[in-house]
Amino acid sequence: MQDALGSPQSALVLGGSSEIALATVRRLVDARCRRVVLAVRDLDAAEAPAAELRARGAEVELVAFDALDTASHAKVIGDVFEGSDIDLVLLAFGVLGDQASFDADPESAADAARINYVGAVSSGLVVADLLRTQGHGTLVVLSSVAAERARKSNYVYGSTKAGLDAFAQGLADALIGTGARVMVVRPGFVHTRMTAGMDAQPFSTTPEAVAVQITRGLERGSTTVWAPPIVRWMFAVLRHLPRPLWRIVSAR
């Protein structure tokens, strides 16, 4: 249950190795969050961030979670909620991939779509039902500005994020009046392991800076968070550009 100041006391991270999610959880732990569950594919790799969070004063659990194994989602997530409320769930897993590789290997593109969209729909619906049942809590969905308009350089990734973004918005509307809510986060280019070696885009940012916007959004009860905030206004223009002009602009 959230404390008297509205800060989450417990958090579940689906995709517990996400640098943005971990930066967010560190801020939450520093602000009184005391139970953290990191749901990850690689339990060994999660030991280091778990140890860091424990050193900050949190009780940390690691659970095995595979976005592709949708048949397991209800049990894995349900077990986390069993006997203890979860105030905040961060849906933070996903793959960026490479468009040229997807073009050459359509099955790898389908796998990315299954992770980024199908896995998110499956786990998101499980979380929503549990939050609805307990009568409170927030699902934070890490989307992307790539959801706003597909670029030829990463249109498979962009299409999966567009689907995820639409799903999250509809789910948010479906939860109105239940005590549970959804907050969609749309980061721009973030310097992480996923983007290492790529050319930085305008207004690029860091996981820590995105985490600041996420925690501010939680405090304000926001439904959508842009990180950095300026990309909201940039895409207010870009989404309406004629397609020939968009192809030129997005190729840079």
Protein backbone atom coordinates (compact mmCIF):
# COMPACT_ATOMS: atom_id res chain seq x y z
CA MET A 1 0.00 0.00 0.00
CA GLN A 2 1.24 3.50 -0.79
CA ASP A 3 2.37 5.52 2.22
CA ALA A 4 0.71 8.67 3.53
CA LEU A 5 2.65 10.76 1.01
CA GLY A 6 1.51 8.64 -1.93
CA SER A 7 4.85 6.93 -2.57
CA PRO A 8 4.75 3.28 -3.68
CA GLN A 9 5.86 0.84 -0.99
CA SER A 10 6.18 -2.11 -3.35
CA ALA A 11 7.10 -2.53 -7.01
CA LEU A 12 7.24 -5.32 -9.55
CA VAL A 13 9.46 -4.88 -12.62
CA LEU A 14 8.61 -7.06 -15.61
CA GLY A 15 11.90 -6.89 -17.45
CA GLY A 16 13.99 -6.32 -14.36
CA SER A 17 17.22 -5.77 -16.27
CA SER A 18 15.88 -2.65 -18.02
CA GLU A 19 18.20 0.27 -17.31
CA ILE A 20 15.29 2.72 -17.32
CA ALA A 21 13.29 0.55 -14.93
CA LEU A 22 16.23 0.05 -12.58
CA ALA A 23 16.98 3.78 -12.52
CA THR A 24 13.32 4.36 -11.66
CA VAL A 25 13.30 1.76 -8.91
CA ARG A 26 16.44 3.24 -7.36
CA ARG A 27 14.66 6.56 -7.08
CA LEU A 28 11.59 4.87 -5.59
CA VAL A 29 13.66 2.97 -3.04
CA ASP A 30 15.41 6.18 -2.01
CA ALA A 31 11.91 7.65 -1.53
CA ARG A 32 10.60 4.85 0.75
CA CYS A 33 9.74 1.90 -1.53
CA ARG A 34 10.66 -1.17 0.52
CA ARG A 35 9.71 -4.27 -1.52
CA VAL A 36 11.00 -4.79 -5.06
CA VAL A 37 10.46 -7.82 -7.27
CA LEU A 38 12.63 -8.07 -10.38
CA ALA A 39 11.11 -10.44 -12.94
CA VAL A 40 13.82 -11.43 -15.42
CA ARG A 41 14.90 -14.09 -17.88
CA ASP A 42 18.45 -14.30 -16.53
CA LEU A 43 18.39 -14.62 -12.74
CA ASP A 44 22.18 -14.63 -12.42
CA ALA A 45 22.56 -11.37 -14.33
CA ALA A 46 20.00 -9.74 -12.02
CA GLU A 47 21.99 -10.46 -8.86
CA ALA A 48 24.11 -7.31 -9.16
CA PRO A 49 21.23 -4.80 -9.46
CA ALA A 50 19.36 -6.71 -6.74
CA ALA A 51 22.35 -6.36 -4.41
CA GLU A 52 22.52 -2.63 -5.10
CA LEU A 53 18.85 -2.17 -4.26
CA ARG A 54 19.26 -4.19 -1.07
CA ALA A 55 22.16 -1.94 -0.09
CA ARG A 56 19.78 0.99 -0.46
CA GLY A 57 17.40 -0.60 2.05
CA ALA A 58 14.93 -2.56 -0.08
CA GLU A 59 13.80 -6.15 0.28
CA VAL A 60 14.44 -7.59 -3.19
CA GLU A 61 13.14 -10.80 -4.76
CA LEU A 62 14.12 -12.28 -8.10
CA VAL A 63 11.65 -14.32 -10.13
CA ALA A 64 12.00 -16.01 -13.51
CA PHE A 65 9.94 -14.36 -16.23
CA ASP A 66 9.90 -14.88 -19.99
CA ALA A 67 7.86 -12.48 -22.12
CA LEU A 68 7.49 -15.14 -24.81
CA ASP A 69 6.08 -17.73 -22.40
CA THR A 70 2.61 -16.21 -22.21
CA ALA A 71 1.16 -19.40 -20.71
CA SER A 72 3.22 -18.77 -17.56
CA HIS A 73 2.34 -15.12 -17.03
CA ALA A 74 -0.75 -15.58 -14.89
CA LYS A 75 1.06 -17.84 -12.42
CA VAL A 76 4.35 -15.94 -12.27
CA ILE A 77 2.69 -12.57 -11.74
CA GLY A 78 -0.09 -13.96 -9.56
CA ASP A 79 2.45 -15.51 -7.20
CA VAL A 80 4.10 -12.10 -6.73
CA PHE A 81 0.77 -10.55 -5.75
CA GLU A 82 -0.19 -13.50 -3.50
CA GLY A 83 -0.61 -12.34 0.08
CA SER A 84 0.81 -8.84 -0.51
CA ASP A 85 -0.38 -5.84 -2.50
CA ILE A 86 1.81 -4.42 -5.25
CA ASP A 87 1.59 -0.64 -5.61
CA LEU A 88 3.49 -0.28 -8.87
CA VAL A 89 4.23 -2.51 -11.84
CA LEU A 90 6.76 -1.45 -14.46
CA LEU A 91 6.28 -3.19 -17.80
CA ALA A 92 9.77 -2.64 -19.12
CA PHE A 93 10.82 -5.56 -21.30
CA GLY A 94 11.38 -5.32 -25.04
CA VAL A 95 13.86 -5.65 -27.86
CA LEU A 96 14.98 -3.02 -30.36
CA GLY A 97 16.51 -5.25 -33.01
CA ASP A 98 17.92 -4.16 -36.35
CA GLN A 99 15.70 -3.44 -39.33
CA ALA A 100 18.16 -4.88 -41.84
CA SER A 101 18.28 -8.10 -39.83
CA PHE A 102 14.50 -8.20 -39.68
CA ASP A 103 14.31 -7.72 -43.45
CA ALA A 104 16.68 -10.65 -43.97
CA ASP A 105 15.04 -12.85 -41.33
CA PRO A 106 11.28 -12.26 -40.99
CA GLU A 107 11.03 -14.87 -38.22
CA SER A 108 13.30 -12.73 -36.03
CA ALA A 109 10.97 -9.81 -36.70
CA ALA A 110 8.03 -11.96 -35.63
CA ASP A 111 9.88 -12.88 -32.43
CA ALA A 112 10.43 -9.20 -31.67
CA ALA A 113 6.74 -8.54 -32.23
CA ARG A 114 5.83 -11.39 -29.91
CA ILE A 115 8.06 -10.01 -27.17
CA ASN A 116 7.25 -6.31 -27.53
CA TYR A 117 3.53 -6.61 -28.16
CA VAL A 118 2.10 -10.08 -27.54
CA GLY A 119 4.06 -10.58 -24.33
CA ALA A 120 3.08 -7.12 -23.15
CA VAL A 121 -0.60 -7.68 -23.85
CA SER A 122 -0.57 -11.00 -22.01
CA SER A 123 1.27 -9.75 -18.93
CA GLY A 124 -0.46 -6.36 -18.98
CA LEU A 125 -3.91 -7.92 -18.82
CA VAL A 126 -2.84 -10.18 -15.95
CA VAL A 127 -1.48 -7.19 -14.04
CA ALA A 128 -4.58 -5.10 -14.75
CA ASP A 129 -6.87 -7.80 -13.35
CA LEU A 130 -4.79 -8.09 -10.18
CA LEU A 131 -4.63 -4.32 -9.67
CA ARG A 132 -8.38 -4.10 -10.25
CA THR A 133 -8.99 -6.81 -7.67
CA GLN A 134 -6.84 -5.16 -5.02
CA GLY A 135 -8.46 -1.79 -5.79
CA HIS A 136 -5.33 0.30 -6.26
CA GLY A 137 -1.99 0.43 -8.02
CA THR A 138 -0.34 1.73 -11.16
CA LEU A 139 0.90 -0.07 -14.26
CA VAL A 140 3.68 1.91 -15.93
CA VAL A 141 4.18 0.89 -19.57
CA LEU A 142 7.43 1.81 -21.27
CA SER A 143 6.45 2.74 -24.81
CA SER A 144 8.53 4.95 -27.11
CA VAL A 145 8.32 8.02 -29.32
CA ALA A 146 8.80 5.45 -32.10
CA ALA A 147 5.14 4.57 -31.51
CA GLU A 148 4.10 7.96 -32.81
CA ARG A 149 5.15 7.40 -36.42
CA ALA A 150 7.02 4.56 -38.10
CA ARG A 151 10.44 5.29 -39.60
CA LYS A 152 11.83 3.18 -42.43
CA SER A 153 14.99 2.59 -40.37
CA ASN A 154 13.11 0.78 -37.57
CA TYR A 155 9.51 0.27 -38.66
CA VAL A 156 9.18 -3.21 -37.15
CA TYR A 157 10.16 -1.88 -33.72
CA GLY A 158 8.03 1.23 -34.20
CA SER A 159 4.99 -0.82 -35.16
CA THR A 160 5.30 -3.00 -32.05
CA LYS A 161 5.51 0.09 -29.86
CA ALA A 162 2.54 1.65 -31.65
CA GLY A 163 0.51 -1.44 -30.87
CA LEU A 164 1.70 -1.46 -27.26
CA ASP A 165 0.93 2.24 -26.87
CA ALA A 166 -2.62 1.82 -28.19
CA PHE A 167 -3.16 -1.20 -25.95
CA ALA A 168 -1.97 0.71 -22.89
CA GLN A 169 -4.21 3.69 -23.63
CA GLY A 170 -7.25 1.47 -24.05
CA LEU A 171 -6.41 -0.44 -20.89
CA ALA A 172 -6.12 2.84 -19.00
CA ASP A 173 -9.64 3.78 -20.07
CA ALA A 174 -10.94 0.34 -19.11
CA LEU A 175 -9.58 0.77 -15.57
CA ILE A 176 -11.23 4.11 -14.89
CA GLY A 177 -13.19 3.90 -11.64
CA THR A 178 -11.47 0.73 -10.38
CA GLY A 179 -8.75 2.38 -8.30
CA ALA A 180 -6.09 1.04 -10.67
CA ARG A 181 -4.52 3.08 -13.43
CA VAL A 182 -2.02 3.01 -16.31
CA MET A 183 0.72 5.50 -17.10
CA VAL A 184 2.33 5.38 -20.55
CA VAL A 185 5.95 6.51 -20.86
CA ARG A 186 7.28 7.65 -24.24
CA PRO A 187 11.05 8.14 -24.10
CA GLY A 188 13.01 9.48 -27.02
CA PHE A 189 16.50 8.17 -27.81
CA VAL A 190 17.98 6.84 -24.54
CA HIS A 191 21.66 5.99 -24.10
CA THR A 192 21.50 2.36 -22.93
CA ARG A 193 23.04 -1.00 -23.79
CA MET A 194 20.26 -1.39 -26.37
CA THR A 195 21.31 1.73 -28.29
CA ALA A 196 25.08 1.34 -27.88
CA GLY A 197 26.88 2.07 -31.14
CA MET A 198 23.93 3.92 -32.66
CA ASP A 199 24.05 7.57 -33.68
CA ALA A 200 22.34 9.68 -31.04
CA GLN A 201 19.14 11.45 -32.06
CA PRO A 202 18.14 15.05 -31.17
CA PHE A 203 17.21 15.48 -27.51
CA SER A 204 18.77 12.14 -26.55
CA THR A 205 18.62 11.34 -22.87
CA THR A 206 19.71 8.89 -20.17
CA PRO A 207 17.93 6.23 -18.08
CA GLU A 208 18.35 8.42 -15.00
CA ALA A 209 16.73 11.41 -16.69
CA VAL A 210 13.82 9.26 -17.88
CA ALA A 211 13.44 7.92 -14.32
CA VAL A 212 13.06 11.48 -13.05
CA GLN A 213 10.18 12.06 -15.47
CA ILE A 214 8.56 8.74 -14.51
CA THR A 215 8.62 9.48 -10.79
CA ARG A 216 7.35 13.00 -11.40
CA GLY A 217 4.54 11.54 -13.50
CA LEU A 218 3.61 9.16 -10.69
CA GLU A 219 3.53 12.02 -8.20
CA ARG A 220 1.27 14.07 -10.49
CA GLY A 221 -1.03 11.19 -11.43
CA SER A 222 -0.13 11.62 -15.11
CA THR A 223 -1.54 9.35 -17.79
CA THR A 224 1.29 9.99 -20.26
CA VAL A 225 4.92 10.95 -19.72
CA TRP A 226 7.31 12.13 -22.43
CA ALA A 227 11.04 11.99 -21.79
CA PRO A 228 12.45 14.50 -22.28
CA PRO A 229 9.24 16.58 -22.20
CA ILE A 230 10.22 18.54 -25.32
CA VAL A 231 9.73 15.49 -27.56
CA ARG A 232 6.00 15.78 -26.95
CA TRP A 233 5.92 19.08 -28.82
CA MET A 234 8.35 17.87 -31.45
CA PHE A 235 6.08 14.94 -32.34
CA ALA A 236 2.99 17.14 -32.21
CA VAL A 237 4.46 18.58 -35.42
CA LEU A 238 6.20 15.50 -36.85
CA ARG A 239 3.15 13.24 -36.73
CA HIS A 240 1.36 15.61 -39.13
CA LEU A 241 4.11 16.05 -41.71
CA PRO A 242 3.22 14.90 -45.24
CA ARG A 243 4.73 11.47 -45.80
CA PRO A 244 7.26 12.55 -48.47
CA LEU A 245 8.59 15.19 -46.07
CA TRP A 246 8.51 12.73 -43.14
CA ARG A 247 10.64 10.27 -45.11
CA ILE A 248 13.28 12.95 -45.59
CA VAL A 249 13.21 14.17 -41.99
CA SER A 250 13.18 10.70 -40.40
CA ALA A 251 16.08 9.47 -42.53
CA ARG A 252 18.48 11.87 -40.83
